[in-house]
Amino acid sequence: MISDAYAEVEKGNHQKAREIFSKACENKNSDGCIRAAFIHNTSKKIPIDKVKAQELFKKACTLGNSLGCEMNK
C-alpha cells in the first residue's frame, strides 16, 4: 500500500498519494501518518492544511514514531 503512494508521488499525484498514506495511517501505519502529514504541510500541488498535518504527526507519535513526536512540538 505505501509503495503505491510513493509511486503516486513520483507521478506528481500528491492528492492520490495523500489518500493512500492517510488510509495507511488509519490502519495504524505510523509511516503513512508521517508521509500524509508532510504532504498536508508542504505540498505545492494541493492546499496546505497545517492543522491536519499536526494531527497526523501527533498520531504518528502515539504510534511510536519519534519523527512524529519531533514534528508535533
PDB file of N, CA and C in Angstrom:
ATOM      1  N   MET A   1       0.826  -1.192   0.000  1.00  0.00           N
ATOM      2  CA  MET A   1       0.000   0.000   0.000  1.00  0.00           C
ATOM      3  C   MET A   1       0.875   1.263   0.000  1.00  0.00           C
ATOM      4  N   ILE A   2       1.838   1.342   0.897  1.00  0.00           N
ATOM      5  CA  ILE A   2       2.716   2.512   0.977  1.00  0.00           C
ATOM      6  C   ILE A   2       3.492   2.686  -0.327  1.00  0.00           C
ATOM      7  N   SER A   3       3.923   1.587  -0.923  1.00  0.00           N
ATOM      8  CA  SER A   3       4.671   1.698  -2.181  1.00  0.00           C
ATOM      9  C   SER A   3       3.812   2.310  -3.275  1.00  0.00           C
ATOM     10  N   ASP A   4       2.505   2.060  -3.251  1.00  0.00           N
ATOM     11  CA  ASP A   4       1.595   2.683  -4.221  1.00  0.00           C
ATOM     12  C   ASP A   4       1.582   4.202  -4.038  1.00  0.00           C
ATOM     13  N   ALA A   5       1.613   4.638  -2.798  1.00  0.00           N
ATOM     14  CA  ALA A   5       1.612   6.075  -2.515  1.00  0.00           C
ATOM     15  C   ALA A   5       2.897   6.725  -3.020  1.00  0.00           C
ATOM     16  N   TYR A   6       4.031   6.065  -2.783  1.00  0.00           N
ATOM     17  CA  TYR A   6       5.293   6.605  -3.285  1.00  0.00           C
ATOM     18  C   TYR A   6       5.274   6.701  -4.813  1.00  0.00           C
ATOM     19  N   ALA A   7       4.671   5.729  -5.463  1.00  0.00           N
ATOM     20  CA  ALA A   7       4.559   5.757  -6.925  1.00  0.00           C
ATOM     21  C   ALA A   7       3.721   6.960  -7.372  1.00  0.00           C
ATOM     22  N   GLU A   8       2.672   7.261  -6.637  1.00  0.00           N
ATOM     23  CA  GLU A   8       1.832   8.417  -6.965  1.00  0.00           C
ATOM     24  C   GLU A   8       2.601   9.725  -6.771  1.00  0.00           C
ATOM     25  N   VAL A   9       3.429   9.789  -5.749  1.00  0.00           N
ATOM     26  CA  VAL A   9       4.262  10.982  -5.539  1.00  0.00           C
ATOM     27  C   VAL A   9       5.191  11.162  -6.730  1.00  0.00           C
ATOM     28  N   GLU A  10       5.813  10.065  -7.163  1.00  0.00           N
ATOM     29  CA  GLU A  10       6.724  10.130  -8.312  1.00  0.00           C
ATOM     30  C   GLU A  10       6.011  10.627  -9.570  1.00  0.00           C
ATOM     31  N   LYS A  11       4.739  10.278  -9.705  1.00  0.00           N
ATOM     32  CA  LYS A  11       3.947  10.732 -10.859  1.00  0.00           C
ATOM     33  C   LYS A  11       3.455  12.168 -10.677  1.00  0.00           C
ATOM     34  N   GLY A  12       3.664  12.726  -9.473  1.00  0.00           N
ATOM     35  CA  GLY A  12       3.200  14.083  -9.212  1.00  0.00           C
ATOM     36  C   GLY A  12       1.758  14.154  -8.743  1.00  0.00           C
ATOM     37  N   ASN A  13       1.171  13.008  -8.438  1.00  0.00           N
ATOM     38  CA  ASN A  13      -0.225  12.964  -7.998  1.00  0.00           C
ATOM     39  C   ASN A  13      -0.264  12.982  -6.466  1.00  0.00           C
ATOM     40  N   HIS A  14      -0.070  14.145  -5.907  1.00  0.00           N
ATOM     41  CA  HIS A  14       0.013  14.273  -4.451  1.00  0.00           C
ATOM     42  C   HIS A  14      -1.330  14.012  -3.773  1.00  0.00           C
ATOM     43  N   GLN A  15      -2.425  14.352  -4.431  1.00  0.00           N
ATOM     44  CA  GLN A  15      -3.745  14.100  -3.855  1.00  0.00           C
ATOM     45  C   GLN A  15      -3.955  12.599  -3.639  1.00  0.00           C
ATOM     46  N   LYS A  16      -3.678  11.808  -4.652  1.00  0.00           N
ATOM     47  CA  LYS A  16      -3.844  10.354  -4.544  1.00  0.00           C
ATOM     48  C   LYS A  16      -2.865   9.777  -3.516  1.00  0.00           C
ATOM     49  N   ALA A  17      -1.635  10.263  -3.539  1.00  0.00           N
ATOM     50  CA  ALA A  17      -0.640   9.793  -2.563  1.00  0.00           C
ATOM     51  C   ALA A  17      -1.113  10.091  -1.145  1.00  0.00           C
ATOM     52  N   ARG A  18      -1.632  11.297  -0.932  1.00  0.00           N
ATOM     53  CA  ARG A  18      -2.118  11.658   0.396  1.00  0.00           C
ATOM     54  C   ARG A  18      -3.253  10.741   0.830  1.00  0.00           C
ATOM     55  N   GLU A  19      -4.140  10.412  -0.081  1.00  0.00           N
ATOM     56  CA  GLU A  19      -5.243   9.494   0.237  1.00  0.00           C
ATOM     57  C   GLU A  19      -4.718   8.126   0.663  1.00  0.00           C
ATOM     58  N   ILE A  20      -3.738   7.615  -0.066  1.00  0.00           N
ATOM     59  CA  ILE A  20      -3.180   6.292   0.246  1.00  0.00           C
ATOM     60  C   ILE A  20      -2.430   6.331   1.576  1.00  0.00           C
ATOM     61  N   PHE A  21      -1.589   7.361   1.769  1.00  0.00           N
ATOM     62  CA  PHE A  21      -0.872   7.491   3.034  1.00  0.00           C
ATOM     63  C   PHE A  21      -1.849   7.637   4.202  1.00  0.00           C
ATOM     64  N   SER A  22      -2.907   8.413   4.005  1.00  0.00           N
ATOM     65  CA  SER A  22      -3.904   8.607   5.061  1.00  0.00           C
ATOM     66  C   SER A  22      -4.599   7.305   5.416  1.00  0.00           C
ATOM     67  N   LYS A  23      -4.898   6.506   4.416  1.00  0.00           N
ATOM     68  CA  LYS A  23      -5.523   5.206   4.660  1.00  0.00           C
ATOM     69  C   LYS A  23      -4.580   4.309   5.463  1.00  0.00           C
ATOM     70  N   ALA A  24      -3.302   4.340   5.112  1.00  0.00           N
ATOM     71  CA  ALA A  24      -2.312   3.564   5.868  1.00  0.00           C
ATOM     72  C   ALA A  24      -2.270   4.049   7.317  1.00  0.00           C
ATOM     73  N   CYS A  25      -2.349   5.348   7.501  1.00  0.00           N
ATOM     74  CA  CYS A  25      -2.351   5.921   8.854  1.00  0.00           C
ATOM     75  C   CYS A  25      -3.570   5.433   9.636  1.00  0.00           C
ATOM     76  N   GLU A  26      -4.725   5.426   8.990  1.00  0.00           N
ATOM     77  CA  GLU A  26      -5.942   4.922   9.638  1.00  0.00           C
ATOM     78  C   GLU A  26      -5.766   3.474  10.084  1.00  0.00           C
ATOM     79  N   ASN A  27      -4.931   2.740   9.343  1.00  0.00           N
ATOM     80  CA  ASN A  27      -4.654   1.342   9.672  1.00  0.00           C
ATOM     81  C   ASN A  27      -3.450   1.198  10.607  1.00  0.00           C
ATOM     82  N   LYS A  28      -3.116   2.300  11.303  1.00  0.00           N
ATOM     83  CA  LYS A  28      -2.074   2.319  12.331  1.00  0.00           C
ATOM     84  C   LYS A  28      -0.654   2.151  11.784  1.00  0.00           C
ATOM     85  N   ASN A  29      -0.420   2.642  10.568  1.00  0.00           N
ATOM     86  CA  ASN A  29       0.906   2.643   9.982  1.00  0.00           C
ATOM     87  C   ASN A  29       1.504   4.032  10.218  1.00  0.00           C
ATOM     88  N   SER A  30       2.452   4.129  11.140  1.00  0.00           N
ATOM     89  CA  SER A  30       2.994   5.438  11.509  1.00  0.00           C
ATOM     90  C   SER A  30       3.704   6.128  10.340  1.00  0.00           C
ATOM     91  N   ASP A  31       4.342   5.361   9.455  1.00  0.00           N
ATOM     92  CA  ASP A  31       4.989   5.957   8.285  1.00  0.00           C
ATOM     93  C   ASP A  31       3.946   6.615   7.387  1.00  0.00           C
ATOM     94  N   GLY A  32       2.799   5.985   7.241  1.00  0.00           N
ATOM     95  CA  GLY A  32       1.714   6.578   6.460  1.00  0.00           C
ATOM     96  C   GLY A  32       1.275   7.905   7.065  1.00  0.00           C
ATOM     97  N   CYS A  33       1.205   7.958   8.397  1.00  0.00           N
ATOM     98  CA  CYS A  33       0.834   9.202   9.085  1.00  0.00           C
ATOM     99  C   CYS A  33       1.853  10.302   8.797  1.00  0.00           C
ATOM    100  N   ILE A  34       3.125   9.952   8.910  1.00  0.00           N
ATOM    101  CA  ILE A  34       4.202  10.926   8.672  1.00  0.00           C
ATOM    102  C   ILE A  34       4.144  11.450   7.244  1.00  0.00           C
ATOM    103  N   ARG A  35       4.047  10.549   6.299  1.00  0.00           N
ATOM    104  CA  ARG A  35       4.051  10.955   4.883  1.00  0.00           C
ATOM    105  C   ARG A  35       2.822  11.791   4.543  1.00  0.00           C
ATOM    106  N   ALA A  36       1.653  11.408   5.045  1.00  0.00           N
ATOM    107  CA  ALA A  36       0.438  12.202   4.811  1.00  0.00           C
ATOM    108  C   ALA A  36       0.594  13.581   5.438  1.00  0.00           C
ATOM    109  N   ALA A  37       1.175  13.626   6.631  1.00  0.00           N
ATOM    110  CA  ALA A  37       1.387  14.907   7.311  1.00  0.00           C
ATOM    111  C   ALA A  37       2.303  15.817   6.495  1.00  0.00           C
ATOM    112  N   PHE A  38       3.387  15.269   5.979  1.00  0.00           N
ATOM    113  CA  PHE A  38       4.290  16.086   5.173  1.00  0.00           C
ATOM    114  C   PHE A  38       3.594  16.623   3.928  1.00  0.00           C
ATOM    115  N   ILE A  39       2.759  15.822   3.302  1.00  0.00           N
ATOM    116  CA  ILE A  39       2.025  16.314   2.132  1.00  0.00           C
ATOM    117  C   ILE A  39       1.073  17.436   2.555  1.00  0.00           C
ATOM    118  N   HIS A  40       0.362  17.239   3.652  1.00  0.00           N
ATOM    119  CA  HIS A  40      -0.537  18.284   4.151  1.00  0.00           C
ATOM    120  C   HIS A  40       0.236  19.561   4.501  1.00  0.00           C
ATOM    121  N   ASN A  41       1.470  19.408   4.922  1.00  0.00           N
ATOM    122  CA  ASN A  41       2.266  20.522   5.436  1.00  0.00           C
ATOM    123  C   ASN A  41       3.065  21.261   4.370  1.00  0.00           C
ATOM    124  N   THR A  42       3.426  20.575   3.279  1.00  0.00           N
ATOM    125  CA  THR A  42       4.394  21.184   2.362  1.00  0.00           C
ATOM    126  C   THR A  42       4.061  21.110   0.880  1.00  0.00           C
ATOM    127  N   SER A  43       3.039  20.390   0.491  1.00  0.00           N
ATOM    128  CA  SER A  43       2.780  20.200  -0.936  1.00  0.00           C
ATOM    129  C   SER A  43       2.493  21.517  -1.648  1.00  0.00           C
ATOM    130  N   LYS A  44       3.082  21.675  -2.802  1.00  0.00           N
ATOM    131  CA  LYS A  44       2.798  22.833  -3.633  1.00  0.00           C
ATOM    132  C   LYS A  44       1.702  22.505  -4.656  1.00  0.00           C
ATOM    133  N   LYS A  45       1.270  21.246  -4.675  1.00  0.00           N
ATOM    134  CA  LYS A  45       0.300  20.812  -5.678  1.00  0.00           C
ATOM    135  C   LYS A  45      -1.122  20.725  -5.141  1.00  0.00           C
ATOM    136  N   ILE A  46      -1.270  20.695  -3.827  1.00  0.00           N
ATOM    137  CA  ILE A  46      -2.600  20.660  -3.209  1.00  0.00           C
ATOM    138  C   ILE A  46      -2.594  21.624  -2.029  1.00  0.00           C
ATOM    139  N   PRO A  47      -3.773  22.071  -1.582  1.00  0.00           N
ATOM    140  CA  PRO A  47      -3.811  23.042  -0.485  1.00  0.00           C
ATOM    141  C   PRO A  47      -3.137  22.514   0.791  1.00  0.00           C
ATOM    142  N   ILE A  48      -2.398  23.384   1.442  1.00  0.00           N
ATOM    143  CA  ILE A  48      -1.726  23.045   2.698  1.00  0.00           C
ATOM    144  C   ILE A  48      -2.750  23.114   3.835  1.00  0.00           C
ATOM    145  N   ASP A  49      -2.657  22.151   4.744  1.00  0.00           N
ATOM    146  CA  ASP A  49      -3.523  22.107   5.916  1.00  0.00           C
ATOM    147  C   ASP A  49      -2.645  21.777   7.123  1.00  0.00           C
ATOM    148  N   LYS A  50      -2.089  22.805   7.725  1.00  0.00           N
ATOM    149  CA  LYS A  50      -1.146  22.608   8.828  1.00  0.00           C
ATOM    150  C   LYS A  50      -1.809  21.998  10.063  1.00  0.00           C
ATOM    151  N   VAL A  51      -3.086  22.280  10.272  1.00  0.00           N
ATOM    152  CA  VAL A  51      -3.797  21.695  11.412  1.00  0.00           C
ATOM    153  C   VAL A  51      -3.886  20.179  11.235  1.00  0.00           C
ATOM    154  N   LYS A  52      -4.269  19.737  10.042  1.00  0.00           N
ATOM    155  CA  LYS A  52      -4.357  18.303   9.765  1.00  0.00           C
ATOM    156  C   LYS A  52      -2.975  17.665   9.865  1.00  0.00           C
ATOM    157  N   ALA A  53      -1.963  18.366   9.372  1.00  0.00           N
ATOM    158  CA  ALA A  53      -0.595  17.843   9.452  1.00  0.00           C
ATOM    159  C   ALA A  53      -0.211  17.590  10.905  1.00  0.00           C
ATOM    160  N   GLN A  54      -0.497  18.536  11.794  1.00  0.00           N
ATOM    161  CA  GLN A  54      -0.161  18.359  13.203  1.00  0.00           C
ATOM    162  C   GLN A  54      -0.925  17.189  13.813  1.00  0.00           C
ATOM    163  N   GLU A  55      -2.183  17.002  13.424  1.00  0.00           N
ATOM    164  CA  GLU A  55      -2.960  15.852  13.908  1.00  0.00           C
ATOM    165  C   GLU A  55      -2.288  14.542  13.500  1.00  0.00           C
ATOM    166  N   LEU A  56      -1.820  14.497  12.259  1.00  0.00           N
ATOM    167  CA  LEU A  56      -1.180  13.285  11.753  1.00  0.00           C
ATOM    168  C   LEU A  56       0.181  13.046  12.405  1.00  0.00           C
ATOM    169  N   PHE A  57       0.951  14.119  12.627  1.00  0.00           N
ATOM    170  CA  PHE A  57       2.223  13.965  13.339  1.00  0.00           C
ATOM    171  C   PHE A  57       1.965  13.433  14.751  1.00  0.00           C
ATOM    172  N   LYS A  58       0.942  13.963  15.402  1.00  0.00           N
ATOM    173  CA  LYS A  58       0.599  13.507  16.754  1.00  0.00           C
ATOM    174  C   LYS A  58       0.219  12.029  16.753  1.00  0.00           C
ATOM    175  N   LYS A  59      -0.569  11.623  15.750  1.00  0.00           N
ATOM    176  CA  LYS A  59      -0.964  10.214  15.669  1.00  0.00           C
ATOM    177  C   LYS A  59       0.263   9.333  15.457  1.00  0.00           C
ATOM    178  N   ALA A  60       1.173   9.774  14.586  1.00  0.00           N
ATOM    179  CA  ALA A  60       2.405   9.010  14.353  1.00  0.00           C
ATOM    180  C   ALA A  60       3.189   8.866  15.644  1.00  0.00           C
ATOM    181  N   CYS A  61       3.246   9.934  16.414  1.00  0.00           N
ATOM    182  CA  CYS A  61       3.946   9.890  17.707  1.00  0.00           C
ATOM    183  C   CYS A  61       3.280   8.871  18.627  1.00  0.00           C
ATOM    184  N   THR A  62       1.960   8.918  18.677  1.00  0.00           N
ATOM    185  CA  THR A  62       1.198   7.977  19.500  1.00  0.00           C
ATOM    186  C   THR A  62       1.473   6.534  19.083  1.00  0.00           C
ATOM    187  N   LEU A  63       1.724   6.343  17.789  1.00  0.00           N
ATOM    188  CA  LEU A  63       2.016   5.004  17.264  1.00  0.00           C
ATOM    189  C   LEU A  63       3.493   4.623  17.444  1.00  0.00           C
ATOM    190  N   GLY A  64       4.271   5.512  18.088  1.00  0.00           N
ATOM    191  CA  GLY A  64       5.657   5.181  18.395  1.00  0.00           C
ATOM    192  C   GLY A  64       6.691   5.705  17.422  1.00  0.00           C
ATOM    193  N   ASN A  65       6.297   6.595  16.522  1.00  0.00           N
ATOM    194  CA  ASN A  65       7.237   7.135  15.544  1.00  0.00           C
ATOM    195  C   ASN A  65       7.865   8.404  16.114  1.00  0.00           C
ATOM    196  N   SER A  66       9.157   8.381  16.388  1.00  0.00           N
ATOM    197  CA  SER A  66       9.835   9.511  17.024  1.00  0.00           C
ATOM    198  C   SER A  66       9.828  10.767  16.150  1.00  0.00           C
ATOM    199  N   LEU A  67       9.831  10.612  14.833  1.00  0.00           N
ATOM    200  CA  LEU A  67       9.761  11.774  13.953  1.00  0.00           C
ATOM    201  C   LEU A  67       8.430  12.496  14.157  1.00  0.00           C
ATOM    202  N   GLY A  68       7.363  11.731  14.321  1.00  0.00           N
ATOM    203  CA  GLY A  68       6.061  12.331  14.603  1.00  0.00           C
ATOM    204  C   GLY A  68       6.093  13.128  15.890  1.00  0.00           C
ATOM    205  N   CYS A  69       6.787  12.626  16.892  1.00  0.00           N
ATOM    206  CA  CYS A  69       6.919  13.330  18.176  1.00  0.00           C
ATOM    207  C   CYS A  69       7.707  14.626  17.987  1.00  0.00           C
ATOM    208  N   GLU A  70       8.801  14.575  17.234  1.00  0.00           N
ATOM    209  CA  GLU A  70       9.618  15.762  16.986  1.00  0.00           C
ATOM    210  C   GLU A  70       8.842  16.825  16.222  1.00  0.00           C
ATOM    211  N   MET A  71       8.065  16.408  15.230  1.00  0.00           N
ATOM    212  CA  MET A  71       7.332  17.353  14.389  1.00  0.00           C
ATOM    213  C   MET A  71       6.105  17.908  15.109  1.00  0.00           C
ATOM    214  N   ASN A  72       5.681  17.261  16.172  1.00  0.00           N
ATOM    215  CA  ASN A  72       4.474  17.672  16.885  1.00  0.00           C
ATOM    216  C   ASN A  72       4.778  18.671  17.997  1.00  0.00           C
ATOM    217  N   LYS A  73       5.990  19.147  18.094  1.00  0.00           N
ATOM    218  CA  LYS A  73       6.360  20.097  19.155  1.00  0.00           C
ATOM    219  C   LYS A  73       5.911  21.483  18.826  1.00  0.00           C
TER     220      LYS A  73
END
